Amino acid sequence: MEQQAPSYARDIRPLFREKDISSMSKAFDLASYDDVRAHASQILTRVANGSMPCDGPWPQGRVELFRGWVDAGCPA
């Protein structure tokens, strides 16, 4: 069975907590698909190097989920 590509609505948006959205609001709107898609490479760099979210790095599985979404072309 073919694995379904991650989608923003189903897989990516739930990764961002309200405090993440608030703390990153000056840089980008994590609650907006268009803004997350437009800044996907910057966000990926930050979650991969642990500088985002502000209270500690994501587990590797979340980073890989986000990377898979970016690699799939950032589907809605």
PDB file of N, CA and C in Angstrom:
ATOM      1  N   MET A   1       0.830  -1.181   0.000  1.00  0.00           N
ATOM      2  CA  MET A   1       0.000   0.000   0.000  1.00  0.00           C
ATOM      3  C   MET A   1       0.879   1.251   0.000  1.00  0.00           C
ATOM      4  N   GLU A   2       0.534   2.194  -0.865  1.00  0.00           N
ATOM      5  CA  GLU A   2       1.323   3.410  -0.990  1.00  0.00           C
ATOM      6  C   GLU A   2       1.059   4.337   0.192  1.00  0.00           C
ATOM      7  N   GLN A   3       2.127   4.893   0.737  1.00  0.00           N
ATOM      8  CA  GLN A   3       1.981   5.799   1.870  1.00  0.00           C
ATOM      9  C   GLN A   3       1.484   7.156   1.373  1.00  0.00           C
ATOM     10  N   GLN A   4       0.513   7.698   2.071  1.00  0.00           N
ATOM     11  CA  GLN A   4      -0.054   8.984   1.720  1.00  0.00           C
ATOM     12  C   GLN A   4       0.894  10.099   2.167  1.00  0.00           C
ATOM     13  N   ALA A   5       1.076  11.101   1.290  1.00  0.00           N
ATOM     14  CA  ALA A   5       1.920  12.243   1.647  1.00  0.00           C
ATOM     15  C   ALA A   5       1.261  13.018   2.782  1.00  0.00           C
ATOM     16  N   PRO A   6       2.063  13.574   3.678  1.00  0.00           N
ATOM     17  CA  PRO A   6       1.484  14.374   4.754  1.00  0.00           C
ATOM     18  C   PRO A   6       0.784  15.607   4.184  1.00  0.00           C
ATOM     19  N   SER A   7      -0.270  16.044   4.838  1.00  0.00           N
ATOM     20  CA  SER A   7      -0.953  17.270   4.423  1.00  0.00           C
ATOM     21  C   SER A   7      -0.849  18.297   5.541  1.00  0.00           C
ATOM     22  N   TYR A   8      -0.949  19.562   5.171  1.00  0.00           N
ATOM     23  CA  TYR A   8      -0.886  20.621   6.176  1.00  0.00           C
ATOM     24  C   TYR A   8      -2.019  20.479   7.185  1.00  0.00           C
ATOM     25  N   ALA A   9      -3.248  20.372   6.667  1.00  0.00           N
ATOM     26  CA  ALA A   9      -4.415  20.353   7.558  1.00  0.00           C
ATOM     27  C   ALA A   9      -4.404  19.146   8.502  1.00  0.00           C
ATOM     28  N   ARG A  10      -4.072  17.991   7.992  1.00  0.00           N
ATOM     29  CA  ARG A  10      -4.146  16.758   8.780  1.00  0.00           C
ATOM     30  C   ARG A  10      -2.911  16.542   9.655  1.00  0.00           C
ATOM     31  N   ASP A  11      -1.735  16.824   9.133  1.00  0.00           N
ATOM     32  CA  ASP A  11      -0.493  16.416   9.797  1.00  0.00           C
ATOM     33  C   ASP A  11       0.383  17.554  10.327  1.00  0.00           C
ATOM     34  N   ILE A  12       0.451  18.648   9.600  1.00  0.00           N
ATOM     35  CA  ILE A  12       1.415  19.694   9.943  1.00  0.00           C
ATOM     36  C   ILE A  12       0.843  20.737  10.898  1.00  0.00           C
ATOM     37  N   ARG A  13      -0.329  21.255  10.600  1.00  0.00           N
ATOM     38  CA  ARG A  13      -0.923  22.287  11.472  1.00  0.00           C
ATOM     39  C   ARG A  13      -1.013  21.825  12.920  1.00  0.00           C
ATOM     40  N   PRO A  14      -1.406  20.568  13.195  1.00  0.00           N
ATOM     41  CA  PRO A  14      -1.476  20.140  14.604  1.00  0.00           C
ATOM     42  C   PRO A  14      -0.132  20.110  15.341  1.00  0.00           C
ATOM     43  N   LEU A  15       0.972  20.164  14.614  1.00  0.00           N
ATOM     44  CA  LEU A  15       2.287  20.182  15.258  1.00  0.00           C
ATOM     45  C   LEU A  15       2.555  21.499  15.977  1.00  0.00           C
ATOM     46  N   PHE A  16       1.905  22.564  15.525  1.00  0.00           N
ATOM     47  CA  PHE A  16       2.155  23.890  16.071  1.00  0.00           C
ATOM     48  C   PHE A  16       1.139  24.219  17.156  1.00  0.00           C
ATOM     49  N   ARG A  17       1.637  24.369  18.388  1.00  0.00           N
ATOM     50  CA  ARG A  17       0.781  24.720  19.514  1.00  0.00           C
ATOM     51  C   ARG A  17       0.490  26.221  19.486  1.00  0.00           C
ATOM     52  N   GLU A  18      -0.521  26.630  20.241  1.00  0.00           N
ATOM     53  CA  GLU A  18      -0.863  28.055  20.282  1.00  0.00           C
ATOM     54  C   GLU A  18       0.330  28.896  20.741  1.00  0.00           C
ATOM     55  N   LYS A  19       1.114  28.388  21.704  1.00  0.00           N
ATOM     56  CA  LYS A  19       2.269  29.173  22.154  1.00  0.00           C
ATOM     57  C   LYS A  19       3.353  29.253  21.084  1.00  0.00           C
ATOM     58  N   ASP A  20       3.454  28.240  20.215  1.00  0.00           N
ATOM     59  CA  ASP A  20       4.402  28.312  19.093  1.00  0.00           C
ATOM     60  C   ASP A  20       3.952  29.385  18.106  1.00  0.00           C
ATOM     61  N   ILE A  21       2.656  29.381  17.819  1.00  0.00           N
ATOM     62  CA  ILE A  21       2.093  30.359  16.883  1.00  0.00           C
ATOM     63  C   ILE A  21       2.323  31.770  17.401  1.00  0.00           C
ATOM     64  N   SER A  22       2.068  31.966  18.677  1.00  0.00           N
ATOM     65  CA  SER A  22       2.236  33.278  19.288  1.00  0.00           C
ATOM     66  C   SER A  22       3.707  33.705  19.301  1.00  0.00           C
ATOM     67  N   SER A  23       4.593  32.817  19.703  1.00  0.00           N
ATOM     68  CA  SER A  23       6.006  33.196  19.840  1.00  0.00           C
ATOM     69  C   SER A  23       6.682  33.443  18.493  1.00  0.00           C
ATOM     70  N   MET A  24       6.182  32.834  17.416  1.00  0.00           N
ATOM     71  CA  MET A  24       6.799  33.002  16.104  1.00  0.00           C
ATOM     72  C   MET A  24       6.064  34.016  15.226  1.00  0.00           C
ATOM     73  N   SER A  25       5.056  34.689  15.782  1.00  0.00           N
ATOM     74  CA  SER A  25       4.191  35.555  14.967  1.00  0.00           C
ATOM     75  C   SER A  25       4.922  36.701  14.273  1.00  0.00           C
ATOM     76  N   LYS A  26       6.042  37.145  14.830  1.00  0.00           N
ATOM     77  CA  LYS A  26       6.800  38.217  14.167  1.00  0.00           C
ATOM     78  C   LYS A  26       7.532  37.704  12.922  1.00  0.00           C
ATOM     79  N   ALA A  27       7.854  36.424  12.899  1.00  0.00           N
ATOM     80  CA  ALA A  27       8.581  35.836  11.770  1.00  0.00           C
ATOM     81  C   ALA A  27       7.641  35.269  10.704  1.00  0.00           C
ATOM     82  N   PHE A  28       6.646  34.492  11.141  1.00  0.00           N
ATOM     83  CA  PHE A  28       5.675  33.904  10.222  1.00  0.00           C
ATOM     84  C   PHE A  28       4.456  33.423  10.992  1.00  0.00           C
ATOM     85  N   ASP A  29       3.359  33.233  10.265  1.00  0.00           N
ATOM     86  CA  ASP A  29       2.105  32.805  10.869  1.00  0.00           C
ATOM     87  C   ASP A  29       1.985  31.285  10.728  1.00  0.00           C
ATOM     88  N   LEU A  30       2.288  30.582  11.817  1.00  0.00           N
ATOM     89  CA  LEU A  30       2.260  29.121  11.781  1.00  0.00           C
ATOM     90  C   LEU A  30       0.851  28.552  11.669  1.00  0.00           C
ATOM     91  N   ALA A  31      -0.162  29.380  11.845  1.00  0.00           N
ATOM     92  CA  ALA A  31      -1.552  28.932  11.693  1.00  0.00           C
ATOM     93  C   ALA A  31      -2.044  29.100  10.261  1.00  0.00           C
ATOM     94  N   SER A  32      -1.219  29.648   9.395  1.00  0.00           N
ATOM     95  CA  SER A  32      -1.600  29.910   8.008  1.00  0.00           C
ATOM     96  C   SER A  32      -0.872  28.968   7.060  1.00  0.00           C
ATOM     97  N   TYR A  33      -1.629  28.162   6.322  1.00  0.00           N
ATOM     98  CA  TYR A  33      -1.011  27.266   5.343  1.00  0.00           C
ATOM     99  C   TYR A  33      -0.124  28.050   4.379  1.00  0.00           C
ATOM    100  N   ASP A  34      -0.646  29.161   3.845  1.00  0.00           N
ATOM    101  CA  ASP A  34       0.122  29.926   2.855  1.00  0.00           C
ATOM    102  C   ASP A  34       1.443  30.435   3.430  1.00  0.00           C
ATOM    103  N   ASP A  35       1.420  30.892   4.670  1.00  0.00           N
ATOM    104  CA  ASP A  35       2.636  31.415   5.283  1.00  0.00           C
ATOM    105  C   ASP A  35       3.617  30.293   5.621  1.00  0.00           C
ATOM    106  N   VAL A  36       3.111  29.182   6.134  1.00  0.00           N
ATOM    107  CA  VAL A  36       3.995  28.049   6.435  1.00  0.00           C
ATOM    108  C   VAL A  36       4.607  27.514   5.139  1.00  0.00           C
ATOM    109  N   ARG A  37       3.797  27.409   4.083  1.00  0.00           N
ATOM    110  CA  ARG A  37       4.322  26.943   2.793  1.00  0.00           C
ATOM    111  C   ARG A  37       5.388  27.908   2.271  1.00  0.00           C
ATOM    112  N   ALA A  38       5.121  29.215   2.371  1.00  0.00           N
ATOM    113  CA  ALA A  38       6.070  30.218   1.864  1.00  0.00           C
ATOM    114  C   ALA A  38       7.395  30.196   2.619  1.00  0.00           C
ATOM    115  N   HIS A  39       7.367  29.804   3.886  1.00  0.00           N
ATOM    116  CA  HIS A  39       8.576  29.795   4.725  1.00  0.00           C
ATOM    117  C   HIS A  39       8.994  28.381   5.124  1.00  0.00           C
ATOM    118  N   ALA A  40       8.545  27.386   4.386  1.00  0.00           N
ATOM    119  CA  ALA A  40       8.772  25.994   4.775  1.00  0.00           C
ATOM    120  C   ALA A  40      10.250  25.657   4.968  1.00  0.00           C
ATOM    121  N   SER A  41      11.114  26.125   4.083  1.00  0.00           N
ATOM    122  CA  SER A  41      12.534  25.775   4.224  1.00  0.00           C
ATOM    123  C   SER A  41      13.140  26.419   5.469  1.00  0.00           C
ATOM    124  N   GLN A  42      12.740  27.652   5.781  1.00  0.00           N
ATOM    125  CA  GLN A  42      13.240  28.315   6.998  1.00  0.00           C
ATOM    126  C   GLN A  42      12.732  27.597   8.244  1.00  0.00           C
ATOM    127  N   ILE A  43      11.464  27.226   8.231  1.00  0.00           N
ATOM    128  CA  ILE A  43      10.891  26.521   9.375  1.00  0.00           C
ATOM    129  C   ILE A  43      11.563  25.165   9.538  1.00  0.00           C
ATOM    130  N   LEU A  44      11.776  24.453   8.444  1.00  0.00           N
ATOM    131  CA  LEU A  44      12.441  23.151   8.508  1.00  0.00           C
ATOM    132  C   LEU A  44      13.844  23.294   9.097  1.00  0.00           C
ATOM    133  N   THR A  45      14.581  24.283   8.661  1.00  0.00           N
ATOM    134  CA  THR A  45      15.930  24.507   9.205  1.00  0.00           C
ATOM    135  C   THR A  45      15.866  24.713  10.714  1.00  0.00           C
ATOM    136  N   ARG A  46      14.906  25.503  11.152  1.00  0.00           N
ATOM    137  CA  ARG A  46      14.807  25.822  12.584  1.00  0.00           C
ATOM    138  C   ARG A  46      14.347  24.633  13.417  1.00  0.00           C
ATOM    139  N   VAL A  47      13.384  23.858  12.925  1.00  0.00           N
ATOM    140  CA  VAL A  47      12.965  22.695  13.719  1.00  0.00           C
ATOM    141  C   VAL A  47      14.037  21.610  13.682  1.00  0.00           C
ATOM    142  N   ALA A  48      14.776  21.518  12.570  1.00  0.00           N
ATOM    143  CA  ALA A  48      15.839  20.508  12.467  1.00  0.00           C
ATOM    144  C   ALA A  48      17.029  20.845  13.362  1.00  0.00           C
ATOM    145  N   ASN A  49      17.350  22.139  13.508  1.00  0.00           N
ATOM    146  CA  ASN A  49      18.507  22.487  14.347  1.00  0.00           C
ATOM    147  C   ASN A  49      18.116  22.737  15.805  1.00  0.00           C
ATOM    148  N   GLY A  50      16.801  22.626  16.103  1.00  0.00           N
ATOM    149  CA  GLY A  50      16.349  22.739  17.485  1.00  0.00           C
ATOM    150  C   GLY A  50      16.096  24.150  17.978  1.00  0.00           C
ATOM    151  N   SER A  51      16.238  25.158  17.100  1.00  0.00           N
ATOM    152  CA  SER A  51      16.005  26.538  17.542  1.00  0.00           C
ATOM    153  C   SER A  51      14.514  26.899  17.545  1.00  0.00           C
ATOM    154  N   MET A  52      13.695  25.989  17.109  1.00  0.00           N
ATOM    155  CA  MET A  52      12.250  26.165  17.124  1.00  0.00           C
ATOM    156  C   MET A  52      11.643  24.812  17.437  1.00  0.00           C
ATOM    157  N   PRO A  53      10.649  24.701  18.261  1.00  0.00           N
ATOM    158  CA  PRO A  53       9.999  25.777  19.013  1.00  0.00           C
ATOM    159  C   PRO A  53      10.883  26.303  20.134  1.00  0.00           C
ATOM    160  N   CYS A  54      10.398  27.364  20.742  1.00  0.00           N
ATOM    161  CA  CYS A  54      11.226  28.114  21.691  1.00  0.00           C
ATOM    162  C   CYS A  54      11.497  27.358  22.994  1.00  0.00           C
ATOM    163  N   ASP A  55      10.687  26.357  23.325  1.00  0.00           N
ATOM    164  CA  ASP A  55      10.866  25.685  24.615  1.00  0.00           C
ATOM    165  C   ASP A  55      11.527  24.308  24.511  1.00  0.00           C
ATOM    166  N   GLY A  56      12.153  24.023  23.387  1.00  0.00           N
ATOM    167  CA  GLY A  56      12.876  22.770  23.244  1.00  0.00           C
ATOM    168  C   GLY A  56      12.646  22.147  21.882  1.00  0.00           C
ATOM    169  N   PRO A  57      13.599  21.372  21.415  1.00  0.00           N
ATOM    170  CA  PRO A  57      13.496  20.809  20.068  1.00  0.00           C
ATOM    171  C   PRO A  57      12.391  19.768  19.936  1.00  0.00           C
ATOM    172  N   TRP A  58      11.910  19.638  18.720  1.00  0.00           N
ATOM    173  CA  TRP A  58      10.947  18.588  18.388  1.00  0.00           C
ATOM    174  C   TRP A  58      11.631  17.229  18.423  1.00  0.00           C
ATOM    175  N   PRO A  59      10.878  16.179  18.734  1.00  0.00           N
ATOM    176  CA  PRO A  59      11.408  14.828  18.541  1.00  0.00           C
ATOM    177  C   PRO A  59      11.715  14.610  17.055  1.00  0.00           C
ATOM    178  N   GLN A  60      12.656  13.747  16.774  1.00  0.00           N
ATOM    179  CA  GLN A  60      13.084  13.516  15.400  1.00  0.00           C
ATOM    180  C   GLN A  60      11.921  13.118  14.484  1.00  0.00           C
ATOM    181  N   GLY A  61      10.958  12.374  14.990  1.00  0.00           N
ATOM    182  CA  GLY A  61       9.818  11.962  14.176  1.00  0.00           C
ATOM    183  C   GLY A  61       9.017  13.136  13.650  1.00  0.00           C
ATOM    184  N   ARG A  62       8.857  14.180  14.469  1.00  0.00           N
ATOM    185  CA  ARG A  62       8.140  15.382  14.022  1.00  0.00           C
ATOM    186  C   ARG A  62       8.941  16.125  12.958  1.00  0.00           C
ATOM    187  N   VAL A  63      10.255  16.210  13.158  1.00  0.00           N
ATOM    188  CA  VAL A  63      11.111  16.866  12.160  1.00  0.00           C
ATOM    189  C   VAL A  63      10.992  16.123  10.829  1.00  0.00           C
ATOM    190  N   GLU A  64      11.041  14.802  10.874  1.00  0.00           N
ATOM    191  CA  GLU A  64      10.953  14.010   9.639  1.00  0.00           C
ATOM    192  C   GLU A  64       9.579  14.136   8.983  1.00  0.00           C
ATOM    193  N   LEU A  65       8.519  14.244   9.785  1.00  0.00           N
ATOM    194  CA  LEU A  65       7.185  14.465   9.234  1.00  0.00           C
ATOM    195  C   LEU A  65       7.141  15.797   8.493  1.00  0.00           C
ATOM    196  N   PHE A  66       7.686  16.846   9.110  1.00  0.00           N
ATOM    197  CA  PHE A  66       7.711  18.155   8.454  1.00  0.00           C
ATOM    198  C   PHE A  66       8.569  18.097   7.192  1.00  0.00           C
ATOM    199  N   ARG A  67       9.722  17.439   7.263  1.00  0.00           N
ATOM    200  CA  ARG A  67      10.608  17.303   6.101  1.00  0.00           C
ATOM    201  C   ARG A  67       9.887  16.557   4.970  1.00  0.00           C
ATOM    202  N   GLY A  68       9.147  15.512   5.317  1.00  0.00           N
ATOM    203  CA  GLY A  68       8.392  14.761   4.313  1.00  0.00           C
ATOM    204  C   GLY A  68       7.332  15.619   3.640  1.00  0.00           C
ATOM    205  N   TRP A  69       6.700  16.494   4.425  1.00  0.00           N
ATOM    206  CA  TRP A  69       5.704  17.408   3.877  1.00  0.00           C
ATOM    207  C   TRP A  69       6.362  18.376   2.894  1.00  0.00           C
ATOM    208  N   VAL A  70       7.500  18.930   3.273  1.00  0.00           N
ATOM    209  CA  VAL A  70       8.224  19.843   2.385  1.00  0.00           C
ATOM    210  C   VAL A  70       8.658  19.106   1.116  1.00  0.00           C
ATOM    211  N   ASP A  71       9.221  17.897   1.281  1.00  0.00           N
ATOM    212  CA  ASP A  71       9.683  17.120   0.133  1.00  0.00           C
ATOM    213  C   ASP A  71       8.539  16.738  -0.814  1.00  0.00           C
ATOM    214  N   ALA A  72       7.323  16.627  -0.269  1.00  0.00           N
ATOM    215  CA  ALA A  72       6.150  16.273  -1.076  1.00  0.00           C
ATOM    216  C   ALA A  72       5.549  17.491  -1.785  1.00  0.00           C
ATOM    217  N   GLY A  73       6.144  18.662  -1.577  1.00  0.00           N
ATOM    218  CA  GLY A  73       5.650  19.858  -2.235  1.00  0.00           C
ATOM    219  C   GLY A  73       4.672  20.663  -1.399  1.00  0.00           C
ATOM    220  N   CYS A  74       4.638  20.422  -0.099  1.00  0.00           N
ATOM    221  CA  CYS A  74       3.803  21.173   0.846  1.00  0.00           C
ATOM    222  C   CYS A  74       2.308  21.077   0.533  1.00  0.00           C
ATOM    223  N   PRO A  75       1.772  19.861   0.410  1.00  0.00           N
ATOM    224  CA  PRO A  75       0.339  19.746   0.107  1.00  0.00           C
ATOM    225  C   PRO A  75      -0.546  20.303   1.202  1.00  0.00           C
ATOM    226  N   ALA A  76      -1.650  20.907   0.774  1.00  0.00           N
ATOM    227  CA  ALA A  76      -2.598  21.484   1.716  1.00  0.00           C
ATOM    228  C   ALA A  76      -3.247  20.389   2.513  1.00  0.00           C
TER     229      ALA A  76
END
